[in-house]
C-alpha atoms as a PDB file:
ATOM      1  CA  UNK A   1      12.145 -13.229  -0.207  1.00  0.00           C
ATOM      2  CA  UNK A   2      15.482 -12.240  -1.462  1.00  0.00           C
ATOM      3  CA  UNK A   3      15.843  -8.790  -2.569  1.00  0.00           C
ATOM      4  CA  UNK A   4      17.829  -9.265  -5.734  1.00  0.00           C
ATOM      5  CA  UNK A   5      14.758 -11.675  -6.879  1.00  0.00           C
ATOM      6  CA  UNK A   6      13.176  -8.297  -7.088  1.00  0.00           C
ATOM      7  CA  UNK A   7      15.961  -7.107  -9.308  1.00  0.00           C
ATOM      8  CA  UNK A   8      15.899  -6.902 -13.374  1.00  0.00           C
ATOM      9  CA  UNK A   9      18.962  -7.047 -15.203  1.00  0.00           C
ATOM     10  CA  UNK A  10      17.458  -4.840 -18.006  1.00  0.00           C
ATOM     11  CA  UNK A  11      16.177  -2.223 -15.766  1.00  0.00           C
ATOM     12  CA  UNK A  12      20.244  -1.621 -14.655  1.00  0.00           C
ATOM     13  CA  UNK A  13      21.847   1.402 -16.452  1.00  0.00           C
ATOM     14  CA  UNK A  14      25.363   1.185 -15.644  1.00  0.00           C
ATOM     15  CA  UNK A  15      26.307   3.896 -17.228  1.00  0.00           C
ATOM     16  CA  UNK A  16      24.339   6.729 -16.621  1.00  0.00           C
ATOM     17  CA  UNK A  17      24.881  10.096 -18.364  1.00  0.00           C
ATOM     18  CA  UNK A  18      22.645  12.388 -16.515  1.00  0.00           C
ATOM     19  CA  UNK A  19      24.230  15.271 -14.292  1.00  0.00           C
ATOM     20  CA  UNK A  20      21.270  15.615 -12.241  1.00  0.00           C
ATOM     21  CA  UNK A  21      18.927  13.865 -10.594  1.00  0.00           C
ATOM     22  CA  UNK A  22      15.820  14.949 -12.151  1.00  0.00           C
ATOM     23  CA  UNK A  23      18.031  14.229 -16.045  1.00  0.00           C
ATOM     24  CA  UNK A  24      18.603  10.835 -14.132  1.00  0.00           C
ATOM     25  CA  UNK A  25      14.965  10.234 -13.791  1.00  0.00           C
ATOM     26  CA  UNK A  26      13.620  10.913 -17.011  1.00  0.00           C
ATOM     27  CA  UNK A  27      17.053   8.725 -18.500  1.00  0.00           C
ATOM     28  CA  UNK A  28      16.386   5.735 -16.815  1.00  0.00           C
ATOM     29  CA  UNK A  29      12.057   6.248 -17.618  1.00  0.00           C
ATOM     30  CA  UNK A  30      13.265   5.589 -21.238  1.00  0.00           C
ATOM     31  CA  UNK A  31      14.328   1.744 -19.602  1.00  0.00           C
ATOM     32  CA  UNK A  32      10.756   0.681 -19.252  1.00  0.00           C
ATOM     33  CA  UNK A  33       9.746   2.383 -22.788  1.00  0.00           C
ATOM     34  CA  UNK A  34      12.565   0.684 -24.516  1.00  0.00           C
ATOM     35  CA  UNK A  35      10.331  -2.590 -23.065  1.00  0.00           C
ATOM     36  CA  UNK A  36       7.286  -1.402 -24.967  1.00  0.00           C
ATOM     37  CA  UNK A  37       5.288  -0.177 -22.229  1.00  0.00           C
ATOM     38  CA  UNK A  38       3.684   3.493 -22.700  1.00  0.00           C
ATOM     39  CA  UNK A  39       3.840   5.334 -19.059  1.00  0.00           C
ATOM     40  CA  UNK A  40       2.711   9.153 -18.210  1.00  0.00           C
ATOM     41  CA  UNK A  41       6.398  10.017 -17.567  1.00  0.00           C
ATOM     42  CA  UNK A  42       5.309  13.558 -16.657  1.00  0.00           C
ATOM     43  CA  UNK A  43       3.059  12.524 -14.277  1.00  0.00           C
ATOM     44  CA  UNK A  44       5.509  10.085 -12.865  1.00  0.00           C
ATOM     45  CA  UNK A  45       8.383  12.883 -13.177  1.00  0.00           C
ATOM     46  CA  UNK A  46       5.378  15.063 -10.886  1.00  0.00           C
ATOM     47  CA  UNK A  47       5.332  12.660  -8.294  1.00  0.00           C
ATOM     48  CA  UNK A  48       8.973  12.409  -7.829  1.00  0.00           C
ATOM     49  CA  UNK A  49       9.634  16.009  -7.464  1.00  0.00           C
ATOM     50  CA  UNK A  50       6.615  16.389  -5.120  1.00  0.00           C
ATOM     51  CA  UNK A  51       8.297  14.196  -2.578  1.00  0.00           C
ATOM     52  CA  UNK A  52      11.790  15.668  -2.897  1.00  0.00           C
ATOM     53  CA  UNK A  53      10.094  18.249  -2.223  1.00  0.00           C
ATOM     54  CA  UNK A  54       9.005  16.834   1.407  1.00  0.00           C
ATOM     55  CA  UNK A  55      12.426  14.985   1.692  1.00  0.00           C
ATOM     56  CA  UNK A  56      15.388  15.153   0.012  1.00  0.00           C
ATOM     57  CA  UNK A  57      15.851  11.203  -1.514  1.00  0.00           C
ATOM     58  CA  UNK A  58      19.597  11.569  -1.333  1.00  0.00           C
ATOM     59  CA  UNK A  59      20.474   9.380   1.206  1.00  0.00           C
ATOM     60  CA  UNK A  60      24.079   9.611   1.758  1.00  0.00           C
ATOM     61  CA  UNK A  61      27.185   6.703   0.958  1.00  0.00           C
ATOM     62  CA  UNK A  62      26.943   7.864  -2.465  1.00  0.00           C
ATOM     63  CA  UNK A  63      22.939   6.388  -3.055  1.00  0.00           C
ATOM     64  CA  UNK A  64      19.891   8.090  -4.073  1.00  0.00           C
ATOM     65  CA  UNK A  65      16.388   6.524  -4.029  1.00  0.00           C
ATOM     66  CA  UNK A  66      13.758   9.096  -6.076  1.00  0.00           C
ATOM     67  CA  UNK A  67      10.492   6.857  -5.334  1.00  0.00           C
ATOM     68  CA  UNK A  68       6.985   7.394  -6.032  1.00  0.00           C
ATOM     69  CA  UNK A  69       3.446   5.641  -5.509  1.00  0.00           C
ATOM     70  CA  UNK A  70       1.331   6.694  -8.521  1.00  0.00           C
ATOM     71  CA  UNK A  71      -1.428   4.653 -10.748  1.00  0.00           C
ATOM     72  CA  UNK A  72       1.168   6.129 -13.713  1.00  0.00           C
ATOM     73  CA  UNK A  73       1.722   2.698 -13.520  1.00  0.00           C
ATOM     74  CA  UNK A  74       0.543  -0.750 -13.257  1.00  0.00           C
ATOM     75  CA  UNK A  75       3.477  -2.988 -11.540  1.00  0.00           C
ATOM     76  CA  UNK A  76       5.948  -2.422  -9.382  1.00  0.00           C
ATOM     77  CA  UNK A  77       9.311  -0.776 -11.417  1.00  0.00           C
ATOM     78  CA  UNK A  78      12.692  -0.917  -9.826  1.00  0.00           C
ATOM     79  CA  UNK A  79      15.106   0.731 -11.875  1.00  0.00           C
ATOM     80  CA  UNK A  80      18.669   1.529 -10.920  1.00  0.00           C
ATOM     81  CA  UNK A  81      21.298   4.005 -12.493  1.00  0.00           C
ATOM     82  CA  UNK A  82      25.192   3.601 -12.019  1.00  0.00           C
ATOM     83  CA  UNK A  83      26.480   7.509 -12.548  1.00  0.00           C
ATOM     84  CA  UNK A  84      30.801   6.830 -12.829  1.00  0.00           C
ATOM     85  CA  UNK A  85      31.120  10.860 -12.533  1.00  0.00           C
ATOM     86  CA  UNK A  86      28.641  11.516 -10.182  1.00  0.00           C
ATOM     87  CA  UNK A  87      25.492  13.602  -9.806  1.00  0.00           C
ATOM     88  CA  UNK A  88      26.006  17.249  -9.512  1.00  0.00           C
ATOM     89  CA  UNK A  89      23.500  18.411  -6.896  1.00  0.00           C
ATOM     90  CA  UNK A  90      25.178  18.917  -3.477  1.00  0.00           C
ATOM     91  CA  UNK A  91      24.508  15.819  -0.458  1.00  0.00           C
ATOM     92  CA  UNK A  92      24.430  15.798   3.190  1.00  0.00           C
ATOM     93  CA  UNK A  93      27.353  14.000   3.544  1.00  0.00           C
ATOM     94  CA  UNK A  94      29.489  15.666   0.570  1.00  0.00           C
ATOM     95  CA  UNK A  95      29.561  11.968  -1.313  1.00  0.00           C
ATOM     96  CA  UNK A  96      28.271  12.684  -4.878  1.00  0.00           C
ATOM     97  CA  UNK A  97      25.554  10.656  -5.807  1.00  0.00           C
ATOM     98  CA  UNK A  98      26.759   7.697  -8.377  1.00  0.00           C
ATOM     99  CA  UNK A  99      23.836   4.912  -7.688  1.00  0.00           C
ATOM    100  CA  UNK A 100      20.365   5.860  -8.540  1.00  0.00           C
ATOM    101  CA  UNK A 101      17.493   3.702  -7.124  1.00  0.00           C
ATOM    102  CA  UNK A 102      14.367   4.249  -8.473  1.00  0.00           C
ATOM    103  CA  UNK A 103      11.199   2.831  -6.960  1.00  0.00           C
ATOM    104  CA  UNK A 104       7.544   3.502  -8.654  1.00  0.00           C
ATOM    105  CA  UNK A 105       4.565   1.780  -7.258  1.00  0.00           C
ATOM    106  CA  UNK A 106       1.200   1.982  -7.943  1.00  0.00           C
ATOM    107  CA  UNK A 107      -1.232   3.311  -5.011  1.00  0.00           C
ATOM    108  CA  UNK A 108      -2.230   0.114  -4.585  1.00  0.00           C
ATOM    109  CA  UNK A 109       0.896  -1.734  -3.501  1.00  0.00           C
ATOM    110  CA  UNK A 110       1.995  -0.599   0.070  1.00  0.00           C
ATOM    111  CA  UNK A 111       3.692  -2.779   2.093  1.00  0.00           C
ATOM    112  CA  UNK A 112       6.489  -4.402  -0.761  1.00  0.00           C
ATOM    113  CA  UNK A 113       7.358  -0.756  -1.767  1.00  0.00           C
ATOM    114  CA  UNK A 114       8.399   0.212   1.613  1.00  0.00           C
ATOM    115  CA  UNK A 115      10.291  -2.911   2.498  1.00  0.00           C
ATOM    116  CA  UNK A 116      11.837  -3.067  -1.090  1.00  0.00           C
ATOM    117  CA  UNK A 117      13.036   0.860   0.090  1.00  0.00           C
ATOM    118  CA  UNK A 118      14.593  -0.652   3.202  1.00  0.00           C
ATOM    119  CA  UNK A 119      16.065  -3.667   1.628  1.00  0.00           C
ATOM    120  CA  UNK A 120      17.486  -1.189  -0.996  1.00  0.00           C
ATOM    121  CA  UNK A 121      19.149   1.045   1.702  1.00  0.00           C
ATOM    122  CA  UNK A 122      20.191  -1.548   3.764  1.00  0.00           C
ATOM    123  CA  UNK A 123      22.534  -2.338   0.508  1.00  0.00           C
ATOM    124  CA  UNK A 124      23.566   1.247   0.549  1.00  0.00           C
ATOM    125  CA  UNK A 125      24.395   1.092   3.684  1.00  0.00           C
ATOM    126  CA  UNK A 126      27.126  -2.139   3.252  1.00  0.00           C
ATOM    127  CA  UNK A 127      30.903  -1.168   4.100  1.00  0.00           C
ATOM    128  CA  UNK A 128      32.235  -0.199   0.656  1.00  0.00           C
ATOM    129  CA  UNK A 129      29.385  -1.041  -1.485  1.00  0.00           C
ATOM    130  CA  UNK A 130      29.748   2.417  -3.414  1.00  0.00           C
ATOM    131  CA  UNK A 131      33.293   0.899  -4.781  1.00  0.00           C
ATOM    132  CA  UNK A 132      32.043  -2.536  -5.766  1.00  0.00           C
ATOM    133  CA  UNK A 133      28.585  -1.115  -7.580  1.00  0.00           C
ATOM    134  CA  UNK A 134      31.070   1.440  -9.541  1.00  0.00           C
ATOM    135  CA  UNK A 135      33.139  -1.687 -10.676  1.00  0.00           C
ATOM    136  CA  UNK A 136      31.029  -3.443 -12.268  1.00  0.00           C
ATOM    137  CA  UNK A 137      30.198  -2.818 -16.308  1.00  0.00           C
ATOM    138  CA  UNK A 138      27.086  -5.490 -16.446  1.00  0.00           C
ATOM    139  CA  UNK A 139      23.882  -5.373 -15.195  1.00  0.00           C
ATOM    140  CA  UNK A 140      24.614  -8.687 -14.211  1.00  0.00           C
ATOM    141  CA  UNK A 141      27.497  -8.736 -12.078  1.00  0.00           C
ATOM    142  CA  UNK A 142      24.901  -5.928 -10.120  1.00  0.00           C
ATOM    143  CA  UNK A 143      22.277  -8.575  -9.641  1.00  0.00           C
ATOM    144  CA  UNK A 144      24.791 -10.597  -8.126  1.00  0.00           C
ATOM    145  CA  UNK A 145      26.117  -8.152  -6.013  1.00  0.00           C
ATOM    146  CA  UNK A 146      22.387  -7.701  -4.395  1.00  0.00           C
ATOM    147  CA  UNK A 147      22.529 -11.147  -4.175  1.00  0.00           C
ATOM    148  CA  UNK A 148      25.514 -11.796  -2.320  1.00  0.00           C
ATOM    149  CA  UNK A 149      24.590  -9.302   0.244  1.00  0.00           C
ATOM    150  CA  UNK A 150      22.138 -11.721   1.299  1.00  0.00           C
ATOM    151  CA  UNK A 151      19.526  -8.637   1.896  1.00  0.00           C
ATOM    152  CA  UNK A 152      16.425  -9.865   2.153  1.00  0.00           C
ATOM    153  CA  UNK A 153      12.552  -8.421   2.386  1.00  0.00           C
ATOM    154  CA  UNK A 154      10.789  -9.485   4.898  1.00  0.00           C
ATOM    155  CA  UNK A 155       6.764 -10.864   4.896  1.00  0.00           C
ATOM    156  CA  UNK A 156       5.422  -8.055   7.506  1.00  0.00           C
ATOM    157  CA  UNK A 157       6.800  -4.002   8.112  1.00  0.00           C
ATOM    158  CA  UNK A 158       9.027  -4.156  10.490  1.00  0.00           C
ATOM    159  CA  UNK A 159      10.600  -1.339  12.747  1.00  0.00           C
ATOM    160  CA  UNK A 160      13.966  -1.645  10.495  1.00  0.00           C
ATOM    161  CA  UNK A 161      12.009  -0.888   7.881  1.00  0.00           C
ATOM    162  CA  UNK A 162      10.908   2.522   8.640  1.00  0.00           C
ATOM    163  CA  UNK A 163      13.454   3.926  11.601  1.00  0.00           C
ATOM    164  CA  UNK A 164      15.969   6.377  11.053  1.00  0.00           C
ATOM    165  CA  UNK A 165      19.451   4.807  11.542  1.00  0.00           C
ATOM    166  CA  UNK A 166      21.100   8.124  12.984  1.00  0.00           C
ATOM    167  CA  UNK A 167      19.897   9.392  16.102  1.00  0.00           C
ATOM    168  CA  UNK A 168      21.000  12.819  17.237  1.00  0.00           C
ATOM    169  CA  UNK A 169      22.470  12.465  20.543  1.00  0.00           C
ATOM    170  CA  UNK A 170      24.356  13.610  23.360  1.00  0.00           C
ATOM    171  CA  UNK A 171      25.975  12.758  26.608  1.00  0.00           C
ATOM    172  CA  UNK A 172      25.527  13.497  30.099  1.00  0.00           C
ATOM    173  CA  UNK A 173      28.524  15.216  30.159  1.00  0.00           C
ATOM    174  CA  UNK A 174      27.219  17.689  27.578  1.00  0.00           C
ATOM    175  CA  UNK A 175      25.892  21.262  28.274  1.00  0.00           C
ATOM    176  CA  UNK A 176      22.478  22.614  28.051  1.00  0.00           C
ATOM    177  CA  UNK A 177      24.302  24.685  25.442  1.00  0.00           C
ATOM    178  CA  UNK A 178      25.545  21.933  23.157  1.00  0.00           C
ATOM    179  CA  UNK A 179      22.233  20.165  23.577  1.00  0.00           C
ATOM    180  CA  UNK A 180      19.992  23.340  22.180  1.00  0.00           C
ATOM    181  CA  UNK A 181      22.411  23.676  19.429  1.00  0.00           C
ATOM    182  CA  UNK A 182      22.196  19.949  18.237  1.00  0.00           C
ATOM    183  CA  UNK A 183      18.355  20.197  18.787  1.00  0.00           C
ATOM    184  CA  UNK A 184      18.316  23.430  16.634  1.00  0.00           C
ATOM    185  CA  UNK A 185      21.079  21.721  13.940  1.00  0.00           C
ATOM    186  CA  UNK A 186      18.880  18.897  13.420  1.00  0.00           C
ATOM    187  CA  UNK A 187      15.034  20.365  13.896  1.00  0.00           C
ATOM    188  CA  UNK A 188      14.324  17.994  16.392  1.00  0.00           C
ATOM    189  CA  UNK A 189      12.742  18.235  19.604  1.00  0.00           C
ATOM    190  CA  UNK A 190      14.308  15.672  21.516  1.00  0.00           C
ATOM    191  CA  UNK A 191      17.699  13.848  21.764  1.00  0.00           C
ATOM    192  CA  UNK A 192      18.736  10.661  22.911  1.00  0.00           C
ATOM    193  CA  UNK A 193      21.485  10.791  25.684  1.00  0.00           C
ATOM    194  CA  UNK A 194      24.091   7.609  25.387  1.00  0.00           C
ATOM    195  CA  UNK A 195      27.153   7.159  27.083  1.00  0.00           C
ATOM    196  CA  UNK A 196      30.282   6.882  25.224  1.00  0.00           C
ATOM    197  CA  UNK A 197      29.960   3.212  24.444  1.00  0.00           C
ATOM    198  CA  UNK A 198      26.611   4.029  22.401  1.00  0.00           C
ATOM    199  CA  UNK A 199      24.212   2.662  25.904  1.00  0.00           C
ATOM    200  CA  UNK A 200      20.978   4.269  25.877  1.00  0.00           C
ATOM    201  CA  UNK A 201      20.693   6.173  29.195  1.00  0.00           C
ATOM    202  CA  UNK A 202      18.038   8.366  28.626  1.00  0.00           C
ATOM    203  CA  UNK A 203      16.062  11.476  26.987  1.00  0.00           C
ATOM    204  CA  UNK A 204      16.162  14.693  27.069  1.00  0.00           C
ATOM    205  CA  UNK A 205      13.748  17.354  25.227  1.00  0.00           C
ATOM    206  CA  UNK A 206      12.637  20.983  25.295  1.00  0.00           C
ATOM    207  CA  UNK A 207      10.478  20.883  27.661  1.00  0.00           C
ATOM    208  CA  UNK A 208      12.963  19.592  29.762  1.00  0.00           C
ATOM    209  CA  UNK A 209      15.107  22.839  28.878  1.00  0.00           C
ATOM    210  CA  UNK A 210      11.749  24.898  29.729  1.00  0.00           C
ATOM    211  CA  UNK A 211      11.620  23.682  32.986  1.00  0.00           C
ATOM    212  CA  UNK A 212      15.531  24.550  34.156  1.00  0.00           C
ATOM    213  CA  UNK A 213      14.271  27.239  33.550  1.00  0.00           C
ATOM    214  CA  UNK A 214      11.442  26.946  35.777  1.00  0.00           C
ATOM    215  CA  UNK A 215      11.558  25.288  38.559  1.00  0.00           C
ATOM    216  CA  UNK A 216       8.935  26.715  40.025  1.00  0.00           C
ATOM    217  CA  UNK A 217       6.671  26.717  37.066  1.00  0.00           C
ATOM    218  CA  UNK A 218       3.510  24.998  39.169  1.00  0.00           C
ATOM    219  CA  UNK A 219       3.457  27.645  41.565  1.00  0.00           C
ATOM    220  CA  UNK A 220       3.321  29.995  38.224  1.00  0.00           C
ATOM    221  CA  UNK A 221       0.353  28.185  36.820  1.00  0.00           C
ATOM    222  CA  UNK A 222      -1.740  27.801  40.141  1.00  0.00           C
ATOM    223  CA  UNK A 223      -0.653  31.911  40.883  1.00  0.00           C
ATOM    224  CA  UNK A 224      -0.808  34.503  38.374  1.00  0.00           C
ATOM    225  CA  UNK A 225       0.573  36.527  41.008  1.00  0.00           C
ATOM    226  CA  UNK A 226       3.229  34.127  41.561  1.00  0.00           C
ATOM    227  CA  UNK A 227       6.486  36.937  41.848  1.00  0.00           C
ATOM    228  CA  UNK A 228       9.365  36.602  40.041  1.00  0.00           C
ATOM    229  CA  UNK A 229      12.627  38.066  40.775  1.00  0.00           C
ATOM    230  CA  UNK A 230      15.105  37.512  37.717  1.00  0.00           C
ATOM    231  CA  UNK A 231      14.108  37.078  34.898  1.00  0.00           C
ATOM    232  CA  UNK A 232      13.868  33.031  34.068  1.00  0.00           C
ATOM    233  CA  UNK A 233      15.361  32.006  30.843  1.00  0.00           C
ATOM    234  CA  UNK A 234      17.853  35.036  31.222  1.00  0.00           C
ATOM    235  CA  UNK A 235      19.783  33.165  33.902  1.00  0.00           C
ATOM    236  CA  UNK A 236      19.131  30.016  32.750  1.00  0.00           C
ATOM    237  CA  UNK A 237      21.211  31.494  29.509  1.00  0.00           C
ATOM    238  CA  UNK A 238      24.135  32.673  32.052  1.00  0.00           C
ATOM    239  CA  UNK A 239      24.390  29.502  32.750  1.00  0.00           C
ATOM    240  CA  UNK A 240      23.940  27.133  29.803  1.00  0.00           C
ATOM    241  CA  UNK A 241      27.982  26.468  29.643  1.00  0.00           C
ATOM    242  CA  UNK A 242      27.359  25.035  33.685  1.00  0.00           C
ATOM    243  CA  UNK A 243      24.364  22.978  33.523  1.00  0.00           C
ATOM    244  CA  UNK A 244      25.183  19.775  32.122  1.00  0.00           C
ATOM    245  CA  UNK A 245      22.868  17.440  30.486  1.00  0.00           C
ATOM    246  CA  UNK A 246      23.107  14.283  33.391  1.00  0.00           C
ATOM    247  CA  UNK A 247      20.957  17.345  35.889  1.00  0.00           C
ATOM    248  CA  UNK A 248      18.278  17.400  33.098  1.00  0.00           C
ATOM    249  CA  UNK A 249      17.464  14.066  31.402  1.00  0.00           C
ATOM    250  CA  UNK A 250      15.142  11.745  31.954  1.00  0.00           C
ATOM    251  CA  UNK A 251      14.999   7.636  32.051  1.00  0.00           C
ATOM    252  CA  UNK A 252      11.225   7.923  31.203  1.00  0.00           C
ATOM    253  CA  UNK A 253      11.144   6.703  27.240  1.00  0.00           C
ATOM    254  CA  UNK A 254       9.948   3.644  25.267  1.00  0.00           C
ATOM    255  CA  UNK A 255      11.639   1.326  23.342  1.00  0.00           C
ATOM    256  CA  UNK A 256      11.427  -1.068  21.202  1.00  0.00           C
ATOM    257  CA  UNK A 257      13.837  -3.559  18.495  1.00  0.00           C
ATOM    258  CA  UNK A 258      14.684  -3.287  14.781  1.00  0.00           C
ATOM    259  CA  UNK A 259      12.473  -6.605  14.530  1.00  0.00           C
ATOM    260  CA  UNK A 260       9.204  -5.362  15.906  1.00  0.00           C
ATOM    261  CA  UNK A 261       6.330  -4.995  13.804  1.00  0.00           C
ATOM    262  CA  UNK A 262       5.356  -1.728  13.047  1.00  0.00           C
ATOM    263  CA  UNK A 263       1.781  -2.124  13.945  1.00  0.00           C
ATOM    264  CA  UNK A 264       2.633  -3.521  17.563  1.00  0.00           C
ATOM    265  CA  UNK A 265       4.437   0.341  18.240  1.00  0.00           C
ATOM    266  CA  UNK A 266       1.977   2.240  16.223  1.00  0.00           C
ATOM    267  CA  UNK A 267      -0.470   1.222  18.401  1.00  0.00           C
ATOM    268  CA  UNK A 268       1.454   1.662  21.514  1.00  0.00           C
ATOM    269  CA  UNK A 269       2.686   5.160  20.329  1.00  0.00           C
ATOM    270  CA  UNK A 270      -1.307   5.803  20.161  1.00  0.00           C
ATOM    271  CA  UNK A 271      -2.243   4.516  23.217  1.00  0.00           C
ATOM    272  CA  UNK A 272       0.833   5.868  25.525  1.00  0.00           C
ATOM    273  CA  UNK A 273       0.529   9.739  23.353  1.00  0.00           C
ATOM    274  CA  UNK A 274       4.274   9.324  22.467  1.00  0.00           C
ATOM    275  CA  UNK A 275       6.124  10.923  19.377  1.00  0.00           C
ATOM    276  CA  UNK A 276       9.097   8.530  19.270  1.00  0.00           C
ATOM    277  CA  UNK A 277      10.240   4.838  20.515  1.00  0.00           C
ATOM    278  CA  UNK A 278      14.084   4.921  20.329  1.00  0.00           C
ATOM    279  CA  UNK A 279      15.330   1.366  18.678  1.00  0.00           C
ATOM    280  CA  UNK A 280      17.857  -0.996  20.461  1.00  0.00           C
ATOM    281  CA  UNK A 281      19.917  -4.168  19.617  1.00  0.00           C
ATOM    282  CA  UNK A 282      21.063  -5.437  22.795  1.00  0.00           C
ATOM    283  CA  UNK A 283      21.788  -2.047  25.176  1.00  0.00           C
ATOM    284  CA  UNK A 284      22.888  -0.685  22.013  1.00  0.00           C
ATOM    285  CA  UNK A 285      21.247   2.146  20.304  1.00  0.00           C
ATOM    286  CA  UNK A 286      20.287   1.489  16.711  1.00  0.00           C
ATOM    287  CA  UNK A 287      18.051   3.854  15.570  1.00  0.00           C
ATOM    288  CA  UNK A 288      14.773   5.888  16.258  1.00  0.00           C
ATOM    289  CA  UNK A 289      11.323   5.662  14.932  1.00  0.00           C
ATOM    290  CA  UNK A 290       9.542   9.164  14.900  1.00  0.00           C
ATOM    291  CA  UNK A 291       5.215   9.041  14.598  1.00  0.00           C
ATOM    292  CA  UNK A 292       5.894  11.135  11.415  1.00  0.00           C
ATOM    293  CA  UNK A 293       7.318   8.638   9.878  1.00  0.00           C
ATOM    294  CA  UNK A 294       4.991   6.226  10.197  1.00  0.00           C
ATOM    295  CA  UNK A 295       2.654   9.315   8.496  1.00  0.00           C
ATOM    296  CA  UNK A 296       5.227  10.567   5.792  1.00  0.00           C
ATOM    297  CA  UNK A 297       5.642   6.614   5.214  1.00  0.00           C
ATOM    298  CA  UNK A 298       3.420   4.445   5.616  1.00  0.00           C
ATOM    299  CA  UNK A 299       0.763   6.679   5.442  1.00  0.00           C
ATOM    300  CA  UNK A 300       1.558   8.698   2.766  1.00  0.00           C
ATOM    301  CA  UNK A 301       4.445   6.562   1.116  1.00  0.00           C
END
């Protein structure tokens, strides 16, 4: 099914006046009321704010996707607002939010809800799409633009519907210090190791960094009286600019493709007790699927 088939002209505001995401949500909810449908706006706003506290839904590229699964609605609503001047809130990529795509679904709808969010995000990633959206003046023009993008909503939930497209990575030539800084900056416990062409080579995680400081950790475990002549972490810090990723990274990682069913990957993650699976297309790294994202997006919503 094409994403455009789910978009209704009457639920598109091409001249959003709100300056904040909260106000945009309230302004866009008026489109439902204009249809004669009474909804509990306070309950919807509270649910959306709760979701925003978990993770900011400002996606980047000028788009935001506030969303909620709530029994305050009895059907799925896709509401789109276009702000000519942009919202005032700061964004991670520095591009003001101009397009607010709000998705509301009852708690009984899960798969279509996630696939629709994924489809909207795919549309937002298209090169030059923000300028094209800002050039339209009527809802019908936006529906046509989405239709021309040929974004589809799959019958089954796939890895591409849940995966993160931005993957924090390092190269074999990077140093231990650069790895630690990138892990801290991204709040990740592991990084992909890629070559300069974006080909996945391996993984390096926080355990690998600790092992670099404690190469004889097995002796420490088996003999608590094992003598250490120097403070291992202090010695590691002295060499952090000299130790290269090439010396530390591992090639034992799990990989999948964007078009693999999410249930298959989730089952594998449980069976092998892994927290992350890299997503590749050909030999190129295109995303990462984290176990916590399956919980946050699929189970929690």
